[in-house]
Protein backbone atom coordinates (compact mmCIF):
# COMPACT_ATOMS: atom_id res chain seq x y z
CA UNK A 1 0.00 0.00 0.00
CA UNK A 2 1.35 3.42 -0.96
CA UNK A 3 1.55 6.33 1.50
CA UNK A 4 -0.66 9.33 0.88
CA UNK A 5 0.79 12.78 0.36
CA UNK A 6 0.06 13.81 3.94
CA UNK A 7 1.69 10.69 5.34
CA UNK A 8 4.81 11.32 3.24
CA UNK A 9 4.93 14.92 4.41
CA UNK A 10 4.61 13.90 8.05
CA UNK A 11 7.31 11.22 7.69
CA UNK A 12 9.72 13.80 6.31
CA UNK A 13 8.68 16.66 8.63
CA UNK A 14 9.14 14.67 11.83
CA UNK A 15 12.59 13.31 11.08
CA UNK A 16 15.02 14.57 13.74
CA UNK A 17 16.96 16.72 11.26
CA UNK A 18 13.82 18.56 10.13
CA UNK A 19 12.19 19.35 13.48
CA UNK A 20 14.30 22.52 14.08
CA UNK A 21 13.30 23.77 10.63
CA UNK A 22 9.63 23.34 11.51
CA UNK A 23 10.13 25.19 14.79
CA UNK A 24 11.93 27.98 12.96
CA UNK A 25 9.05 28.31 10.48
CA UNK A 26 6.61 28.62 13.37
CA UNK A 27 8.76 31.27 15.03
CA UNK A 28 9.12 33.25 11.80
CA UNK A 29 5.34 33.12 11.30
CA UNK A 30 4.78 34.40 14.86
CA UNK A 31 7.24 37.30 14.45
CA UNK A 32 5.69 38.16 11.07
CA UNK A 33 2.24 38.26 12.69
CA UNK A 34 3.53 40.68 15.36
CA UNK A 35 5.08 42.91 12.68
CA UNK A 36 1.84 43.04 10.67
CA UNK A 37 -0.12 43.90 13.82
CA UNK A 38 2.23 46.79 14.57
CA UNK A 39 2.10 47.96 10.96
CA UNK A 40 -1.70 48.14 11.08
CA UNK A 41 -1.63 50.03 14.39
CA UNK A 42 0.90 52.53 13.04
CA UNK A 43 -1.11 53.05 9.87
CA UNK A 44 -4.18 53.82 11.98
CA UNK A 45 -2.24 56.39 14.00
CA UNK A 46 -1.01 58.04 10.79
CA UNK A 47 -4.57 58.21 9.42
CA UNK A 48 -5.74 59.79 12.68
CA UNK A 49 -3.05 62.46 12.39
CA UNK A 50 -1.11 61.15 15.41
CA UNK A 51 2.14 60.36 13.63
CA UNK A 52 4.20 61.53 16.61
CA UNK A 53 2.64 58.82 18.81
CA UNK A 54 4.20 56.05 16.71
CA UNK A 55 7.53 56.47 18.50
CA UNK A 56 5.77 56.28 21.88
CA UNK A 57 4.13 53.02 20.82
CA UNK A 58 7.43 51.59 19.57
CA UNK A 59 9.33 52.13 22.81
CA UNK A 60 6.71 50.66 25.18
PDB file of N, CA and C in Angstrom:
ATOM      1  N   UNK A   1       0.850  -1.186   0.000  1.00  0.00           N
ATOM      2  CA  UNK A   1       0.000   0.000   0.000  1.00  0.00           C
ATOM      3  C   UNK A   1       0.893   1.246   0.000  1.00  0.00           C
ATOM      4  N   UNK A   2       0.551   2.203  -0.800  1.00  0.00           N
ATOM      5  CA  UNK A   2       1.350   3.419  -0.958  1.00  0.00           C
ATOM      6  C   UNK A   2       0.889   4.483   0.040  1.00  0.00           C
ATOM      7  N   UNK A   3       1.873   5.250   0.565  1.00  0.00           N
ATOM      8  CA  UNK A   3       1.555   6.329   1.497  1.00  0.00           C
ATOM      9  C   UNK A   3       0.891   7.487   0.760  1.00  0.00           C
ATOM     10  N   UNK A   4      -0.030   8.143   1.475  1.00  0.00           N
ATOM     11  CA  UNK A   4      -0.658   9.328   0.880  1.00  0.00           C
ATOM     12  C   UNK A   4       0.304  10.504   0.976  1.00  0.00           C
ATOM     13  N   UNK A   5      -0.047  11.589   0.334  1.00  0.00           N
ATOM     14  CA  UNK A   5       0.794  12.781   0.355  1.00  0.00           C
ATOM     15  C   UNK A   5       1.007  13.316   1.766  1.00  0.00           C
ATOM     16  N   UNK A   6      -0.055  13.317   2.570  1.00  0.00           N
ATOM     17  CA  UNK A   6       0.056  13.807   3.940  1.00  0.00           C
ATOM     18  C   UNK A   6       0.973  12.913   4.766  1.00  0.00           C
ATOM     19  N   UNK A   7       0.832  11.613   4.597  1.00  0.00           N
ATOM     20  CA  UNK A   7       1.692  10.685   5.336  1.00  0.00           C
ATOM     21  C   UNK A   7       3.159  10.874   4.964  1.00  0.00           C
ATOM     22  N   UNK A   8       3.428  11.063   3.669  1.00  0.00           N
ATOM     23  CA  UNK A   8       4.808  11.317   3.241  1.00  0.00           C
ATOM     24  C   UNK A   8       5.341  12.602   3.837  1.00  0.00           C
ATOM     25  N   UNK A   9       4.523  13.643   3.828  1.00  0.00           N
ATOM     26  CA  UNK A   9       4.933  14.915   4.406  1.00  0.00           C
ATOM     27  C   UNK A   9       5.267  14.758   5.887  1.00  0.00           C
ATOM     28  N   UNK A  10       4.392  14.075   6.623  1.00  0.00           N
ATOM     29  CA  UNK A  10       4.615  13.903   8.054  1.00  0.00           C
ATOM     30  C   UNK A  10       5.856  13.053   8.329  1.00  0.00           C
ATOM     31  N   UNK A  11       6.099  12.031   7.519  1.00  0.00           N
ATOM     32  CA  UNK A  11       7.308  11.220   7.690  1.00  0.00           C
ATOM     33  C   UNK A  11       8.566  12.065   7.525  1.00  0.00           C
ATOM     34  N   UNK A  12       8.555  12.938   6.553  1.00  0.00           N
ATOM     35  CA  UNK A  12       9.720  13.803   6.308  1.00  0.00           C
ATOM     36  C   UNK A  12       9.807  14.898   7.376  1.00  0.00           C
ATOM     37  N   UNK A  13       8.674  15.522   7.710  1.00  0.00           N
ATOM     38  CA  UNK A  13       8.676  16.662   8.627  1.00  0.00           C
ATOM     39  C   UNK A  13       9.118  16.279  10.035  1.00  0.00           C
ATOM     40  N   UNK A  14       8.829  15.051  10.459  1.00  0.00           N
ATOM     41  CA  UNK A  14       9.142  14.667  11.831  1.00  0.00           C
ATOM     42  C   UNK A  14      10.425  13.862  11.961  1.00  0.00           C
ATOM     43  N   UNK A  15      11.249  13.870  10.933  1.00  0.00           N
ATOM     44  CA  UNK A  15      12.587  13.308  11.078  1.00  0.00           C
ATOM     45  C   UNK A  15      13.391  14.252  11.967  1.00  0.00           C
ATOM     46  N   UNK A  16      14.287  13.728  12.790  1.00  0.00           N
ATOM     47  CA  UNK A  16      15.019  14.574  13.744  1.00  0.00           C
ATOM     48  C   UNK A  16      15.740  15.766  13.107  1.00  0.00           C
ATOM     49  N   UNK A  17      16.252  15.613  11.903  1.00  0.00           N
ATOM     50  CA  UNK A  17      16.964  16.719  11.260  1.00  0.00           C
ATOM     51  C   UNK A  17      16.024  17.854  10.853  1.00  0.00           C
ATOM     52  N   UNK A  18      14.757  17.566  10.649  1.00  0.00           N
ATOM     53  CA  UNK A  18      13.825  18.563  10.131  1.00  0.00           C
ATOM     54  C   UNK A  18      12.992  19.252  11.207  1.00  0.00           C
ATOM     55  N   UNK A  19      13.001  18.747  12.418  1.00  0.00           N
ATOM     56  CA  UNK A  19      12.194  19.346  13.480  1.00  0.00           C
ATOM     57  C   UNK A  19      12.623  20.786  13.775  1.00  0.00           C
ATOM     58  N   UNK A  20      13.930  21.114  13.861  1.00  0.00           N
ATOM     59  CA  UNK A  20      14.300  22.522  14.081  1.00  0.00           C
ATOM     60  C   UNK A  20      13.822  23.447  12.956  1.00  0.00           C
ATOM     61  N   UNK A  21      13.779  22.956  11.751  1.00  0.00           N
ATOM     62  CA  UNK A  21      13.298  23.766  10.633  1.00  0.00           C
ATOM     63  C   UNK A  21      11.820  24.088  10.826  1.00  0.00           C
ATOM     64  N   UNK A  22      11.049  23.112  11.240  1.00  0.00           N
ATOM     65  CA  UNK A  22       9.630  23.344  11.507  1.00  0.00           C
ATOM     66  C   UNK A  22       9.423  24.340  12.634  1.00  0.00           C
ATOM     67  N   UNK A  23      10.228  24.233  13.676  1.00  0.00           N
ATOM     68  CA  UNK A  23      10.134  25.188  14.788  1.00  0.00           C
ATOM     69  C   UNK A  23      10.492  26.588  14.310  1.00  0.00           C
ATOM     70  N   UNK A  24      11.518  26.685  13.475  1.00  0.00           N
ATOM     71  CA  UNK A  24      11.927  27.982  12.958  1.00  0.00           C
ATOM     72  C   UNK A  24      10.808  28.599  12.109  1.00  0.00           C
ATOM     73  N   UNK A  25      10.155  27.797  11.299  1.00  0.00           N
ATOM     74  CA  UNK A  25       9.050  28.314  10.477  1.00  0.00           C
ATOM     75  C   UNK A  25       7.923  28.844  11.351  1.00  0.00           C
ATOM     76  N   UNK A  26       7.630  28.138  12.436  1.00  0.00           N
ATOM     77  CA  UNK A  26       6.609  28.619  13.369  1.00  0.00           C
ATOM     78  C   UNK A  26       7.002  29.930  14.015  1.00  0.00           C
ATOM     79  N   UNK A  27       8.265  30.042  14.414  1.00  0.00           N
ATOM     80  CA  UNK A  27       8.756  31.274  15.032  1.00  0.00           C
ATOM     81  C   UNK A  27       8.723  32.433  14.049  1.00  0.00           C
ATOM     82  N   UNK A  28       9.139  32.200  12.822  1.00  0.00           N
ATOM     83  CA  UNK A  28       9.119  33.255  11.803  1.00  0.00           C
ATOM     84  C   UNK A  28       7.679  33.705  11.542  1.00  0.00           C
ATOM     85  N   UNK A  29       6.744  32.769  11.481  1.00  0.00           N
ATOM     86  CA  UNK A  29       5.340  33.125  11.303  1.00  0.00           C
ATOM     87  C   UNK A  29       4.818  33.976  12.448  1.00  0.00           C
ATOM     88  N   UNK A  30       5.209  33.642  13.686  1.00  0.00           N
ATOM     89  CA  UNK A  30       4.783  34.403  14.857  1.00  0.00           C
ATOM     90  C   UNK A  30       5.332  35.824  14.815  1.00  0.00           C
ATOM     91  N   UNK A  31       6.616  35.973  14.508  1.00  0.00           N
ATOM     92  CA  UNK A  31       7.235  37.298  14.445  1.00  0.00           C
ATOM     93  C   UNK A  31       6.625  38.115  13.303  1.00  0.00           C
ATOM     94  N   UNK A  32       6.334  37.474  12.185  1.00  0.00           N
ATOM     95  CA  UNK A  32       5.686  38.161  11.066  1.00  0.00           C
ATOM     96  C   UNK A  32       4.311  38.673  11.473  1.00  0.00           C
ATOM     97  N   UNK A  33       3.565  37.866  12.222  1.00  0.00           N
ATOM     98  CA  UNK A  33       2.238  38.262  12.686  1.00  0.00           C
ATOM     99  C   UNK A  33       2.340  39.501  13.589  1.00  0.00           C
ATOM    100  N   UNK A  34       3.326  39.527  14.488  1.00  0.00           N
ATOM    101  CA  UNK A  34       3.530  40.682  15.358  1.00  0.00           C
ATOM    102  C   UNK A  34       3.843  41.924  14.523  1.00  0.00           C
ATOM    103  N   UNK A  35       4.707  41.772  13.521  1.00  0.00           N
ATOM    104  CA  UNK A  35       5.084  42.909  12.677  1.00  0.00           C
ATOM    105  C   UNK A  35       3.874  43.454  11.923  1.00  0.00           C
ATOM    106  N   UNK A  36       3.032  42.597  11.405  1.00  0.00           N
ATOM    107  CA  UNK A  36       1.842  43.041  10.668  1.00  0.00           C
ATOM    108  C   UNK A  36       0.884  43.756  11.617  1.00  0.00           C
ATOM    109  N   UNK A  37       0.738  43.236  12.836  1.00  0.00           N
ATOM    110  CA  UNK A  37      -0.121  43.900  13.825  1.00  0.00           C
ATOM    111  C   UNK A  37       0.365  45.311  14.120  1.00  0.00           C
ATOM    112  N   UNK A  38       1.668  45.471  14.301  1.00  0.00           N
ATOM    113  CA  UNK A  38       2.226  46.793  14.574  1.00  0.00           C
ATOM    114  C   UNK A  38       2.075  47.713  13.363  1.00  0.00           C
ATOM    115  N   UNK A  39       2.249  47.163  12.177  1.00  0.00           N
ATOM    116  CA  UNK A  39       2.097  47.957  10.964  1.00  0.00           C
ATOM    117  C   UNK A  39       0.676  48.524  10.870  1.00  0.00           C
ATOM    118  N   UNK A  40      -0.298  47.693  11.140  1.00  0.00           N
ATOM    119  CA  UNK A  40      -1.696  48.138  11.077  1.00  0.00           C
ATOM    120  C   UNK A  40      -1.962  49.212  12.124  1.00  0.00           C
ATOM    121  N   UNK A  41      -1.439  49.026  13.334  1.00  0.00           N
ATOM    122  CA  UNK A  41      -1.630  50.026  14.392  1.00  0.00           C
ATOM    123  C   UNK A  41      -0.978  51.352  14.015  1.00  0.00           C
ATOM    124  N   UNK A  42       0.214  51.299  13.436  1.00  0.00           N
ATOM    125  CA  UNK A  42       0.901  52.532  13.039  1.00  0.00           C
ATOM    126  C   UNK A  42       0.177  53.217  11.894  1.00  0.00           C
ATOM    127  N   UNK A  43      -0.338  52.448  10.959  1.00  0.00           N
ATOM    128  CA  UNK A  43      -1.114  53.046   9.865  1.00  0.00           C
ATOM    129  C   UNK A  43      -2.358  53.760  10.391  1.00  0.00           C
ATOM    130  N   UNK A  44      -2.995  53.174  11.400  1.00  0.00           N
ATOM    131  CA  UNK A  44      -4.177  53.817  11.985  1.00  0.00           C
ATOM    132  C   UNK A  44      -3.806  55.133  12.650  1.00  0.00           C
ATOM    133  N   UNK A  45      -2.676  55.145  13.361  1.00  0.00           N
ATOM    134  CA  UNK A  45      -2.238  56.387  13.998  1.00  0.00           C
ATOM    135  C   UNK A  45      -1.943  57.462  12.962  1.00  0.00           C
ATOM    136  N   UNK A  46      -1.317  57.076  11.852  1.00  0.00           N
ATOM    137  CA  UNK A  46      -1.013  58.044  10.793  1.00  0.00           C
ATOM    138  C   UNK A  46      -2.304  58.613  10.211  1.00  0.00           C
ATOM    139  N   UNK A  47      -3.292  57.749   9.972  1.00  0.00           N
ATOM    140  CA  UNK A  47      -4.568  58.212   9.417  1.00  0.00           C
ATOM    141  C   UNK A  47      -5.307  59.134  10.371  1.00  0.00           C
ATOM    142  N   UNK A  48      -5.094  58.937  11.687  1.00  0.00           N
ATOM    143  CA  UNK A  48      -5.743  59.786  12.684  1.00  0.00           C
ATOM    144  C   UNK A  48      -4.967  61.078  12.920  1.00  0.00           C
ATOM    145  N   UNK A  49      -3.850  61.253  12.233  1.00  0.00           N
ATOM    146  CA  UNK A  49      -3.048  62.463  12.394  1.00  0.00           C
ATOM    147  C   UNK A  49      -2.186  62.453  13.641  1.00  0.00           C
ATOM    148  N   UNK A  50      -1.907  61.278  14.183  1.00  0.00           N
ATOM    149  CA  UNK A  50      -1.113  61.147  15.412  1.00  0.00           C
ATOM    150  C   UNK A  50       0.235  60.492  15.120  1.00  0.00           C
ATOM    151  N   UNK A  51       0.886  60.966  14.070  1.00  0.00           N
ATOM    152  CA  UNK A  51       2.140  60.364  13.629  1.00  0.00           C
ATOM    153  C   UNK A  51       3.205  60.395  14.730  1.00  0.00           C
ATOM    154  N   UNK A  52       3.194  61.425  15.562  1.00  0.00           N
ATOM    155  CA  UNK A  52       4.198  61.535  16.612  1.00  0.00           C
ATOM    156  C   UNK A  52       4.044  60.468  17.699  1.00  0.00           C
ATOM    157  N   UNK A  53       2.870  59.855  17.792  1.00  0.00           N
ATOM    158  CA  UNK A  53       2.638  58.818  18.809  1.00  0.00           C
ATOM    159  C   UNK A  53       3.222  57.455  18.401  1.00  0.00           C
ATOM    160  N   UNK A  54       3.635  57.323  17.161  1.00  0.00           N
ATOM    161  CA  UNK A  54       4.204  56.048  16.714  1.00  0.00           C
ATOM    162  C   UNK A  54       5.446  55.721  17.521  1.00  0.00           C
ATOM    163  N   UNK A  55       6.305  56.713  17.731  1.00  0.00           N
ATOM    164  CA  UNK A  55       7.527  56.473  18.499  1.00  0.00           C
ATOM    165  C   UNK A  55       7.186  56.029  19.917  1.00  0.00           C
ATOM    166  N   UNK A  56       6.184  56.668  20.522  1.00  0.00           N
ATOM    167  CA  UNK A  56       5.772  56.278  21.880  1.00  0.00           C
ATOM    168  C   UNK A  56       5.301  54.827  21.918  1.00  0.00           C
ATOM    169  N   UNK A  57       4.599  54.406  20.884  1.00  0.00           N
ATOM    170  CA  UNK A  57       4.132  53.018  20.819  1.00  0.00           C
ATOM    171  C   UNK A  57       5.304  52.050  20.627  1.00  0.00           C
ATOM    172  N   UNK A  58       6.305  52.486  19.873  1.00  0.00           N
ATOM    173  CA  UNK A  58       7.426  51.588  19.571  1.00  0.00           C
ATOM    174  C   UNK A  58       8.313  51.345  20.786  1.00  0.00           C
ATOM    175  N   UNK A  59       8.422  52.304  21.686  1.00  0.00           N
ATOM    176  CA  UNK A  59       9.332  52.128  22.815  1.00  0.00           C
ATOM    177  C   UNK A  59       8.658  51.620  24.071  1.00  0.00           C
ATOM    178  N   UNK A  60       7.408  51.230  24.009  1.00  0.00           N
ATOM    179  CA  UNK A  60       6.708  50.663  25.175  1.00  0.00           C
ATOM    180  C   UNK A  60       7.340  49.367  25.585  1.00  0.00           C
TER     181      UNK A  60
END
